[in-house]
C-alpha cells in the first residue's frame, strides 16, 4: 500500500519566487553597487589563491602609488577600486549594503557613480600629492613612492559623506558630527597617506551636496517610534483588553 504525499501548500510553493523577486528588485534598485560587489568578490576569490609573492606583485601593479600613477595613471585609478589589500568579502558585503547601496537607491546610478568616482580619484590625487611633496622635501623616504595604495575605501568614505544629505535635520547633523569625529580620530590615531585619503574622500562626499539637490527621497527620517508614539500603543492595548475581557 502506497502513501500519498500531500501537496505542498501554495504559500510554500511561492516562497522561493517571492525571494527571487525581492532579490531582483534589490539588484535593479542599485545595479552599480551590486555589480561592483560581485567583481570585488570574484577578485577576492582569485587573490586568496595566489601565493603571497604573486599577490603582492599583482596588487603593486594595480596600486595608485606614485610610481604607478606616473606610468599608468588611468589604468590604476580604475583597477585599484576593484581589489582589496586584505581579502575580506563579508566585511565589504556589509559596508556596501550599509553605504553604497542606499546612496545609489537614492541618487540613481549616474549620480552615485559621479560621487564615488570623485571621492576615489580626488582622495587618491590629494594623498599621493602630499606623499610626493614630503618625499621631495626629504620628510619621507623614496621607498614610499612604491607603497601599496589600493582598495574601495575612498569610494566608501565618499558615500558616507554624501549620505549626510540623505537624512533629515536634526539627524543629519548628528550623523555628520559622528562621521567627522570618526575620520578625524582615524587620522590622529595613525597619520599616514591612507587615512589622509579617507578624510579627504569623506569631505569630497560631503561637498557633493549639489549632486543630490532636488533628488526625491532625501530628508529621510527614521521610522521609529511609529506615528502617534505611545498613545497609539496604549489605545491598541486597551482595545485588545476590551475585546478579550
Protein backbone atom coordinates (compact mmCIF):
# COMPACT_ATOMS: atom_id res chain seq x y z
CA UNK A 1 0.00 0.00 0.00
CA UNK A 2 1.46 3.34 -1.03
CA UNK A 3 1.03 6.50 0.98
CA UNK A 4 0.05 9.57 -0.97
CA UNK A 5 2.38 12.52 -0.49
CA UNK A 6 0.35 15.61 0.44
CA UNK A 7 0.85 18.52 -1.95
CA UNK A 8 2.78 21.49 -0.73
CA UNK A 9 0.63 24.44 0.28
CA UNK A 10 0.55 27.37 -2.20
CA UNK A 11 2.47 29.60 0.24
CA UNK A 12 5.38 27.15 0.37
CA UNK A 13 5.48 26.86 -3.43
CA UNK A 14 5.51 30.64 -3.93
CA UNK A 15 8.11 31.44 -1.24
CA UNK A 16 11.21 30.89 -3.46
CA UNK A 17 9.60 33.01 -6.15
CA UNK A 18 8.98 35.83 -3.68
CA UNK A 19 12.59 35.65 -2.51
CA UNK A 20 13.86 35.68 -6.09
CA UNK A 21 11.62 38.64 -6.91
CA UNK A 22 12.84 40.51 -3.81
CA UNK A 23 16.49 39.91 -4.78
CA UNK A 24 15.77 41.05 -8.35
CA UNK A 25 14.13 44.26 -7.09
CA UNK A 26 17.08 44.90 -4.79
CA UNK A 27 19.59 44.48 -7.63
CA UNK A 28 17.57 46.65 -10.02
CA UNK A 29 17.48 49.44 -7.44
CA UNK A 30 21.30 49.50 -7.09
CA UNK A 31 22.85 47.75 -10.11
CA UNK A 32 26.17 49.57 -9.91
CA UNK A 33 26.80 48.66 -6.28
CA UNK A 34 25.75 45.04 -6.81
CA UNK A 35 27.93 44.60 -9.92
CA UNK A 36 30.88 46.22 -8.14
CA UNK A 37 30.41 43.90 -5.17
CA UNK A 38 30.28 40.82 -7.43
CA UNK A 39 33.52 41.84 -9.20
CA UNK A 40 35.17 42.53 -5.85
CA UNK A 41 34.06 39.11 -4.62
CA UNK A 42 35.44 37.33 -7.68
CA UNK A 43 38.74 39.20 -7.39
CA UNK A 44 38.94 38.37 -3.70
CA UNK A 45 38.30 34.69 -4.50
CA UNK A 46 41.15 34.78 -7.03
CA UNK A 47 43.53 36.67 -4.75
CA UNK A 48 43.31 34.26 -1.81
CA UNK A 49 44.50 31.51 -4.15
CA UNK A 50 47.66 33.40 -5.16
CA UNK A 51 50.97 32.88 -3.44
CA UNK A 52 51.95 35.75 -1.09
CA UNK A 53 54.69 36.85 -3.50
CA UNK A 54 52.39 36.79 -6.53
CA UNK A 55 49.64 38.57 -4.58
CA UNK A 56 51.96 41.42 -3.59
CA UNK A 57 53.26 41.82 -7.14
CA UNK A 58 49.73 41.81 -8.55
CA UNK A 59 48.48 44.38 -6.04
CA UNK A 60 51.51 46.56 -6.68
CA UNK A 61 50.80 46.70 -10.42
CA UNK A 62 47.21 47.80 -9.68
CA UNK A 63 48.12 50.23 -6.91
CA UNK A 64 47.73 54.01 -7.10
CA UNK A 65 51.15 54.74 -5.64
CA UNK A 66 53.36 57.45 -7.12
CA UNK A 67 55.31 55.07 -9.31
CA UNK A 68 52.21 53.58 -10.95
CA UNK A 69 50.47 56.97 -11.23
CA UNK A 70 53.45 58.30 -13.16
CA UNK A 71 53.44 55.42 -15.66
CA UNK A 72 49.83 54.12 -15.81
CA UNK A 73 47.55 56.74 -14.19
CA UNK A 74 44.24 55.89 -15.89
CA UNK A 75 44.70 52.14 -15.53
CA UNK A 76 45.47 52.13 -11.81
CA UNK A 77 42.85 54.74 -10.93
CA UNK A 78 40.25 52.36 -12.36
CA UNK A 79 41.59 48.92 -11.41
CA UNK A 80 42.63 49.86 -7.88
CA UNK A 81 38.94 50.20 -6.94
CA UNK A 82 38.25 46.52 -7.68
CA UNK A 83 40.81 44.95 -5.37
CA UNK A 84 41.50 44.99 -1.64
CA UNK A 85 44.82 44.56 0.10
CA UNK A 86 43.25 42.39 2.80
CA UNK A 87 40.71 39.94 1.35
CA UNK A 88 37.55 40.07 3.48
CA UNK A 89 34.47 39.80 1.29
CA UNK A 90 31.99 39.56 4.18
CA UNK A 91 33.22 42.87 5.59
CA UNK A 92 32.84 44.63 2.26
CA UNK A 93 29.44 42.99 1.71
CA UNK A 94 28.21 44.70 4.89
CA UNK A 95 29.87 48.01 4.03
CA UNK A 96 28.41 48.09 0.50
CA UNK A 97 24.91 47.39 1.78
CA UNK A 98 25.20 49.99 4.54
CA UNK A 99 26.54 52.88 2.43
CA UNK A 100 26.88 52.34 -1.32
CA UNK A 101 23.55 50.60 -1.95
CA UNK A 102 21.42 53.20 -0.06
CA UNK A 103 23.25 56.01 -1.84
CA UNK A 104 22.63 54.53 -5.28
CA UNK A 105 18.98 53.81 -4.48
CA UNK A 106 18.57 57.47 -3.57
CA UNK A 107 20.65 59.21 -6.25
CA UNK A 108 20.33 56.80 -9.15
CA UNK A 109 23.30 55.10 -10.78
CA UNK A 110 24.70 58.05 -12.74
CA UNK A 111 24.78 60.49 -9.84
CA UNK A 112 26.01 57.75 -7.50
CA UNK A 113 28.85 56.99 -9.91
CA UNK A 114 29.78 60.67 -10.05
CA UNK A 115 30.09 60.83 -6.25
CA UNK A 116 32.12 57.64 -5.77
CA UNK A 117 34.47 58.40 -8.70
CA UNK A 118 35.05 61.95 -7.43
CA UNK A 119 35.84 60.62 -3.95
CA UNK A 120 38.08 57.79 -5.18
CA UNK A 121 40.06 59.86 -7.69
CA UNK A 122 40.16 63.07 -5.68
CA UNK A 123 41.31 61.43 -2.45
CA UNK A 124 43.96 59.42 -4.31
CA UNK A 125 45.43 62.51 -6.00
CA UNK A 126 45.41 64.55 -2.79
CA UNK A 127 47.02 61.84 -0.62
CA UNK A 128 49.63 60.88 -3.21
CA UNK A 129 50.31 64.55 -3.92
CA UNK A 130 51.14 65.04 -0.23
CA UNK A 131 53.39 61.97 -0.34
CA UNK A 132 55.19 63.42 -3.37
CA UNK A 133 55.78 66.75 -1.62
CA UNK A 134 57.05 65.06 1.54
CA UNK A 135 59.42 62.83 -0.46
CA UNK A 136 60.79 65.84 -2.36
CA UNK A 137 61.39 67.71 0.91
CA UNK A 138 63.07 64.70 2.50
CA UNK A 139 60.38 64.18 5.13
CA UNK A 140 59.57 60.72 3.72
CA UNK A 141 61.90 58.09 2.24
CA UNK A 142 61.91 57.42 -1.50
CA UNK A 143 60.52 53.92 -0.98
CA UNK A 144 57.12 55.42 -0.07
CA UNK A 145 56.65 56.14 -3.77
CA UNK A 146 56.18 52.36 -4.16
CA UNK A 147 53.85 51.76 -1.19
CA UNK A 148 50.60 49.88 -1.78
CA UNK A 149 47.54 52.11 -2.14
CA UNK A 150 44.62 50.00 -3.31
CA UNK A 151 41.01 49.31 -2.44
CA UNK A 152 37.46 50.68 -2.38
CA UNK A 153 37.67 52.51 0.93
CA UNK A 154 37.98 56.00 -0.58
CA UNK A 155 34.78 55.49 -2.57
CA UNK A 156 33.03 54.20 0.55
CA UNK A 157 34.21 57.21 2.57
CA UNK A 158 32.80 59.48 -0.14
CA UNK A 159 29.47 57.66 0.07
CA UNK A 160 29.47 58.10 3.86
CA UNK A 161 29.91 61.84 3.36
CA UNK A 162 27.21 62.17 0.69
CA UNK A 163 24.69 60.24 2.81
CA UNK A 164 24.69 63.24 5.16
CA UNK A 165 22.24 64.89 2.77
CA UNK A 166 20.04 61.79 2.64
CA UNK A 167 18.98 62.32 6.25
CA UNK A 168 16.57 64.90 7.61
CA UNK A 169 17.51 67.52 10.17
CA UNK A 170 18.46 67.27 13.03
CA UNK A 171 19.57 63.66 12.49
CA UNK A 172 21.66 64.90 9.56
CA UNK A 173 23.88 66.99 11.83
CA UNK A 174 24.29 64.21 14.42
CA UNK A 175 25.34 61.86 11.64
CA UNK A 176 27.75 64.42 10.15
CA UNK A 177 29.32 65.11 13.55
CA UNK A 178 29.76 61.41 14.35
CA UNK A 179 31.23 60.62 10.93
CA UNK A 180 33.60 63.61 11.09
CA UNK A 181 34.84 62.56 14.53
CA UNK A 182 35.42 59.02 13.25
CA UNK A 183 37.60 60.11 10.33
CA UNK A 184 39.48 62.72 12.39
CA UNK A 185 40.22 60.19 15.13
CA UNK A 186 41.30 57.69 12.47
CA UNK A 187 43.79 60.22 11.10
CA UNK A 188 45.06 61.20 14.55
CA UNK A 189 45.49 57.61 15.70
CA UNK A 190 47.51 56.66 12.62
CA UNK A 191 48.78 59.54 10.50
CA UNK A 192 49.52 58.16 7.06
CA UNK A 193 48.57 58.86 3.47
CA UNK A 194 45.76 56.26 3.55
CA UNK A 195 43.89 57.90 6.42
CA UNK A 196 44.55 61.30 4.86
CA UNK A 197 42.84 59.91 1.78
CA UNK A 198 39.91 58.65 3.88
CA UNK A 199 39.12 62.02 5.40
CA UNK A 200 39.66 63.73 2.04
CA UNK A 201 37.21 61.35 0.36
CA UNK A 202 34.69 61.92 3.16
CA UNK A 203 34.92 65.71 2.72
CA UNK A 204 34.57 65.34 -1.05
CA UNK A 205 31.42 63.32 -0.44
CA UNK A 206 30.02 66.00 1.86
CA UNK A 207 30.93 68.60 -0.76
CA UNK A 208 28.90 66.74 -3.40
CA UNK A 209 25.72 68.19 -1.89
CA UNK A 210 24.67 69.83 -5.21
CA UNK A 211 24.58 66.36 -6.84
CA UNK A 212 21.67 65.35 -4.64
CA UNK A 213 19.81 68.66 -4.72
CA UNK A 214 16.28 68.14 -5.95
CA UNK A 215 16.51 64.33 -5.99
CA UNK A 216 13.38 62.87 -4.36
CA UNK A 217 13.80 60.55 -1.41
CA UNK A 218 16.11 62.71 0.67
CA UNK A 219 15.38 64.19 4.10
CA UNK A 220 14.82 60.64 5.31
CA UNK A 221 13.56 60.25 8.87
CA UNK A 222 13.78 57.04 10.87
CA UNK A 223 10.50 55.12 11.11
CA UNK A 224 10.61 54.69 14.86
CA UNK A 225 8.74 55.34 17.08
CA UNK A 226 5.59 54.86 14.98
CA UNK A 227 3.48 57.92 14.29
CA UNK A 228 1.45 58.67 17.37
CA UNK A 229 4.06 57.17 19.67
CA UNK A 230 2.93 55.68 22.94
CA UNK A 231 -0.68 56.87 22.61
CA UNK A 232 -1.29 54.52 19.70
CA UNK A 233 0.23 51.60 21.57
CA UNK A 234 -1.85 52.32 24.68
CA UNK A 235 -5.01 52.55 22.52
CA UNK A 236 -4.18 49.21 20.89
CA UNK A 237 -3.61 47.56 24.27
CA UNK A 238 -6.85 48.97 25.66
CA UNK A 239 -8.81 47.75 22.64
CA UNK A 240 -7.29 44.29 22.91
CA UNK A 241 -8.06 44.09 26.62
CA UNK A 242 -11.65 45.15 26.00
CA UNK A 243 -12.05 42.51 23.31
CA UNK A 244 -10.67 39.73 25.47
CA UNK A 245 -12.00 40.83 28.86
